[in-house]
Amino acid sequence: MIAVVYPWMVFKLREEERLLTEAFGDEYRRYRQRVPRLIPGLKGLPRR
């Protein structure tokens, strides 16, 4: 199940970030620098 869910989840994360960047531009890019990717309230998860 992980072999199916993980690639789908990575794809969805990247697609969502692309759409948000298109919609909000630099404002979203600054947000991404401050907030972890998957769980916004959880500190310590690095972004790539």
Protein backbone atom coordinates (compact mmCIF):
# COMPACT_ATOMS: atom_id res chain seq x y z
CA MET A 1 0.00 0.00 0.00
CA ILE A 2 2.88 2.39 0.77
CA ALA A 3 4.23 1.79 -2.74
CA VAL A 4 0.99 3.29 -4.13
CA VAL A 5 0.18 5.97 -1.56
CA TYR A 6 3.63 7.56 -1.19
CA PRO A 7 4.20 8.42 -4.89
CA TRP A 8 0.61 9.70 -5.16
CA MET A 9 1.08 11.87 -2.08
CA VAL A 10 4.37 13.32 -3.36
CA PHE A 11 2.72 14.08 -6.71
CA LYS A 12 -0.24 15.80 -5.00
CA LEU A 13 2.05 17.86 -2.74
CA ARG A 14 4.08 19.11 -5.69
CA GLU A 15 0.98 19.84 -7.77
CA GLU A 16 -0.66 21.75 -4.93
CA GLU A 17 2.48 23.82 -4.34
CA ARG A 18 2.68 24.61 -8.05
CA LEU A 19 -0.93 25.80 -8.10
CA LEU A 20 -0.49 27.87 -4.93
CA THR A 21 2.67 29.46 -6.34
CA GLU A 22 0.80 30.39 -9.51
CA ALA A 23 -2.09 31.85 -7.53
CA PHE A 24 -0.17 33.71 -4.80
CA GLY A 25 3.35 34.16 -6.23
CA ASP A 26 5.97 35.65 -3.93
CA GLU A 27 3.64 35.71 -0.94
CA TYR A 28 3.36 31.91 -1.06
CA ARG A 29 7.11 31.50 -1.68
CA ARG A 30 7.81 33.46 1.53
CA TYR A 31 5.24 31.33 3.39
CA ARG A 32 6.97 28.14 2.17
CA GLN A 33 10.28 29.35 3.62
CA ARG A 34 8.73 29.71 7.10
CA VAL A 35 6.41 26.69 7.28
CA PRO A 36 7.16 22.95 7.01
CA ARG A 37 5.75 21.23 3.94
CA LEU A 38 3.45 18.49 5.19
CA ILE A 39 2.27 19.47 8.66
CA PRO A 40 2.38 23.28 9.09
CA GLY A 41 2.19 23.27 12.91
CA LEU A 42 4.98 20.72 13.35
CA LYS A 43 8.46 22.24 13.59
CA GLY A 44 11.60 20.42 12.55
CA LEU A 45 10.43 18.81 9.28
CA PRO A 46 12.77 20.09 6.58
CA ARG A 47 11.67 21.34 3.17
CA ARG A 48 13.57 20.36 0.09
